[in-house]
N, C-alpha and C. Protein backbone atom coordinates (compact mmCIF):
# COMPACT_ATOMS: atom_id res chain seq x y z
N UNK A 1 -5.20 4.70 18.36
CA UNK A 1 -5.94 4.98 17.30
C UNK A 1 -6.99 4.08 17.25
N UNK A 2 -8.04 4.43 16.57
CA UNK A 2 -9.21 3.48 16.33
C UNK A 2 -9.26 3.19 14.97
N UNK A 3 -9.89 2.05 14.70
CA UNK A 3 -10.17 1.35 13.33
C UNK A 3 -10.84 2.32 12.53
N UNK A 4 -10.73 2.64 11.25
CA UNK A 4 -11.36 3.41 10.39
C UNK A 4 -12.86 2.94 10.24
N UNK A 5 -13.04 1.53 10.22
CA UNK A 5 -14.25 0.76 9.89
C UNK A 5 -15.17 0.67 11.27
N UNK A 6 -14.57 0.22 12.20
CA UNK A 6 -15.48 -0.06 13.51
C UNK A 6 -15.10 0.64 14.71
N UNK A 7 -14.23 1.55 14.55
CA UNK A 7 -13.94 2.22 15.93
C UNK A 7 -13.26 1.61 16.92
N UNK A 8 -12.90 0.32 16.90
CA UNK A 8 -12.19 -0.50 17.77
C UNK A 8 -10.74 -0.11 17.86
N UNK A 9 -9.95 -0.58 18.77
CA UNK A 9 -8.53 -0.31 18.68
C UNK A 9 -7.99 -0.85 17.51
N UNK A 10 -7.07 -0.02 16.80
CA UNK A 10 -6.54 -0.43 15.57
C UNK A 10 -5.17 -1.06 15.97
N UNK A 11 -4.67 -2.10 14.93
CA UNK A 11 -3.48 -2.79 15.07
C UNK A 11 -2.52 -2.43 13.95
N UNK A 12 -2.86 -1.70 12.97
CA UNK A 12 -1.92 -1.49 11.98
C UNK A 12 -2.46 -0.37 11.13
N UNK A 13 -1.65 0.26 10.15
CA UNK A 13 -1.89 1.32 9.25
C UNK A 13 -1.90 0.68 7.94
N UNK A 14 -2.81 1.07 6.91
CA UNK A 14 -2.82 0.81 5.54
C UNK A 14 -1.49 1.38 4.98
N UNK A 15 -0.85 0.43 4.32
CA UNK A 15 0.46 0.78 3.71
C UNK A 15 0.30 1.76 2.63
N UNK A 16 -0.93 1.94 1.90
CA UNK A 16 -1.27 2.75 0.84
C UNK A 16 -1.71 4.30 1.27
N UNK A 17 -2.57 4.33 2.19
CA UNK A 17 -3.19 5.51 2.56
C UNK A 17 -2.80 5.96 4.08
N UNK A 18 -2.55 5.12 4.84
CA UNK A 18 -2.36 5.40 6.29
C UNK A 18 -3.41 5.14 7.20
N UNK A 19 -4.51 4.76 6.77
CA UNK A 19 -5.80 4.68 7.66
C UNK A 19 -5.48 3.45 8.63
N UNK A 20 -5.93 3.79 9.90
CA UNK A 20 -5.74 2.71 10.94
C UNK A 20 -6.88 1.59 10.71
N UNK A 21 -6.44 0.39 10.87
CA UNK A 21 -7.33 -0.66 10.88
C UNK A 21 -7.06 -1.71 11.87
N UNK A 22 -8.30 -2.49 12.39
CA UNK A 22 -7.95 -3.44 13.32
C UNK A 22 -7.77 -4.88 12.57
N UNK A 23 -7.53 -5.80 13.36
CA UNK A 23 -7.11 -7.15 12.65
C UNK A 23 -8.30 -7.72 11.97
N UNK A 24 -9.64 -7.44 12.55
CA UNK A 24 -10.53 -7.86 11.77
C UNK A 24 -11.08 -7.24 10.42
N UNK A 25 -10.61 -5.92 10.41
CA UNK A 25 -11.09 -5.16 9.16
C UNK A 25 -9.76 -5.16 8.32
N UNK A 26 -8.65 -5.46 8.66
CA UNK A 26 -7.55 -5.34 7.72
C UNK A 26 -7.60 -6.37 6.52
N UNK A 27 -7.17 -5.88 5.45
CA UNK A 27 -7.06 -6.85 4.33
C UNK A 27 -5.55 -6.86 3.91
N UNK A 28 -5.28 -7.69 2.86
CA UNK A 28 -3.93 -7.69 2.33
C UNK A 28 -3.95 -7.35 1.00
N UNK A 29 -2.80 -6.65 0.31
CA UNK A 29 -2.53 -6.29 -0.95
C UNK A 29 -1.22 -6.30 -1.23
N UNK A 30 -0.49 -6.70 -2.47
CA UNK A 30 0.74 -6.77 -2.62
C UNK A 30 1.21 -5.28 -2.74
N UNK A 31 2.64 -5.01 -2.21
CA UNK A 31 3.16 -3.74 -2.22
C UNK A 31 4.57 -3.87 -2.71
N UNK A 32 4.93 -3.09 -3.84
CA UNK A 32 6.31 -3.00 -4.24
C UNK A 32 7.10 -2.23 -3.49
N UNK A 33 8.20 -2.91 -2.89
CA UNK A 33 9.24 -2.06 -2.08
C UNK A 33 10.24 -1.43 -3.08
N UNK A 34 10.74 -2.08 -4.04
CA UNK A 34 11.75 -1.57 -5.00
C UNK A 34 11.56 -2.28 -6.26
N UNK A 35 11.95 -1.46 -7.31
CA UNK A 35 12.04 -2.07 -8.63
C UNK A 35 13.34 -1.68 -9.10
N UNK A 36 13.77 -2.50 -10.23
CA UNK A 36 15.11 -2.38 -10.73
C UNK A 36 15.17 -2.92 -12.18
N UNK A 37 16.23 -2.62 -12.85
CA UNK A 37 16.41 -3.27 -14.11
C UNK A 37 17.77 -4.09 -14.14
N UNK A 38 17.71 -5.39 -14.56
CA UNK A 38 18.91 -6.25 -14.36
C UNK A 38 19.83 -5.90 -15.47
N UNK A 39 20.87 -6.43 -15.42
CA UNK A 39 22.18 -6.32 -16.47
C UNK A 39 21.69 -6.77 -17.66
N UNK A 40 20.75 -7.66 -17.83
CA UNK A 40 20.13 -8.25 -19.18
C UNK A 40 18.99 -7.40 -19.59
N UNK A 41 18.36 -6.40 -18.98
CA UNK A 41 17.59 -5.48 -19.29
C UNK A 41 16.15 -5.81 -18.81
N UNK A 42 16.07 -7.01 -17.97
CA UNK A 42 14.80 -7.31 -17.46
C UNK A 42 14.48 -6.49 -16.22
N UNK A 43 13.10 -6.15 -16.18
CA UNK A 43 12.62 -5.39 -15.00
C UNK A 43 12.15 -6.29 -13.92
N UNK A 44 12.53 -6.04 -12.66
CA UNK A 44 12.12 -6.79 -11.73
C UNK A 44 11.66 -6.13 -10.32
N UNK A 45 10.93 -6.62 -9.40
CA UNK A 45 10.56 -5.87 -8.22
C UNK A 45 10.75 -6.74 -7.03
N UNK A 46 11.00 -6.21 -5.95
CA UNK A 46 10.95 -6.78 -4.45
C UNK A 46 9.52 -6.45 -4.02
N UNK A 47 8.80 -7.50 -3.58
CA UNK A 47 7.29 -7.18 -3.37
C UNK A 47 6.96 -7.78 -1.96
N UNK A 48 6.33 -7.04 -1.21
CA UNK A 48 5.67 -7.69 -0.05
C UNK A 48 4.21 -8.19 -0.43
N UNK A 49 4.02 -9.46 -0.39
CA UNK A 49 2.80 -9.95 -0.91
C UNK A 49 1.44 -9.71 -0.07
N UNK A 50 1.65 -9.32 1.12
CA UNK A 50 0.60 -9.33 2.12
C UNK A 50 0.64 -8.06 3.02
N UNK A 51 0.91 -6.99 2.41
CA UNK A 51 0.87 -5.73 3.01
C UNK A 51 -0.47 -5.38 3.46
N UNK A 52 -0.50 -4.54 4.60
CA UNK A 52 -1.78 -4.25 5.35
C UNK A 52 -2.48 -3.24 4.28
N UNK A 53 -3.76 -3.53 4.11
CA UNK A 53 -4.54 -2.63 3.05
C UNK A 53 -6.03 -2.37 3.83
N UNK A 54 -6.41 -1.28 3.81
CA UNK A 54 -7.62 -0.84 4.45
C UNK A 54 -8.82 -1.20 3.80
N UNK A 55 -8.72 -1.51 2.44
CA UNK A 55 -9.95 -2.03 1.67
C UNK A 55 -10.76 -0.89 1.19
N UNK A 56 -10.45 0.52 1.43
CA UNK A 56 -11.15 1.53 1.15
C UNK A 56 -10.39 2.30 0.06
N UNK A 57 -9.09 2.48 0.15
CA UNK A 57 -8.48 3.41 -0.75
C UNK A 57 -8.37 2.56 -2.17
N UNK A 58 -7.91 3.27 -3.02
CA UNK A 58 -7.75 2.73 -4.47
C UNK A 58 -6.52 3.10 -5.16
N UNK A 59 -5.35 2.41 -4.65
CA UNK A 59 -3.99 2.77 -5.10
C UNK A 59 -4.14 2.76 -6.67
N UNK A 60 -3.57 3.78 -7.39
CA UNK A 60 -3.39 3.86 -8.69
C UNK A 60 -2.47 2.80 -9.28
N UNK A 61 -2.88 2.07 -10.51
CA UNK A 61 -2.09 1.04 -11.09
C UNK A 61 -1.11 1.56 -11.88
N UNK A 62 -1.28 2.77 -12.43
CA UNK A 62 -0.27 3.46 -13.26
C UNK A 62 0.38 4.61 -12.68
N UNK A 63 1.58 5.02 -12.95
CA UNK A 63 2.25 6.23 -12.34
C UNK A 63 1.33 7.56 -12.68
N UNK A 64 1.28 8.42 -11.85
CA UNK A 64 0.48 9.71 -12.05
C UNK A 64 1.62 10.76 -12.26
N UNK A 65 1.28 11.70 -13.31
CA UNK A 65 2.05 12.76 -13.63
C UNK A 65 1.86 13.84 -12.68
N UNK A 66 3.17 14.34 -12.10
CA UNK A 66 2.96 15.44 -11.28
C UNK A 66 3.19 16.71 -12.01
N UNK A 67 2.39 17.81 -11.66
CA UNK A 67 2.61 19.07 -12.34
C UNK A 67 2.91 20.09 -11.20
N UNK A 68 3.32 21.34 -11.67
CA UNK A 68 3.75 22.40 -10.87
C UNK A 68 4.66 21.99 -9.56
N UNK A 69 5.74 21.14 -10.02
CA UNK A 69 6.69 20.74 -8.76
C UNK A 69 7.85 21.63 -8.84
N UNK A 70 7.82 22.78 -9.70
CA UNK A 70 9.05 23.66 -9.80
C UNK A 70 9.22 24.31 -8.42
């Protein structure tokens, strides 16, 4: 595959949208692997702090409501 930005060989895919990126164009962004609630009611998350990010896509900060899923 080729990099979305420069068309050189890609080294990874964006964790958020799947675009291919080379090492020079890859960026980093935190990615939540899993979230949970503790026995005391506190919310916690297991996060990868430096997941590969293309720098183009815009992951939504808040959950999105899905419709017509019947």
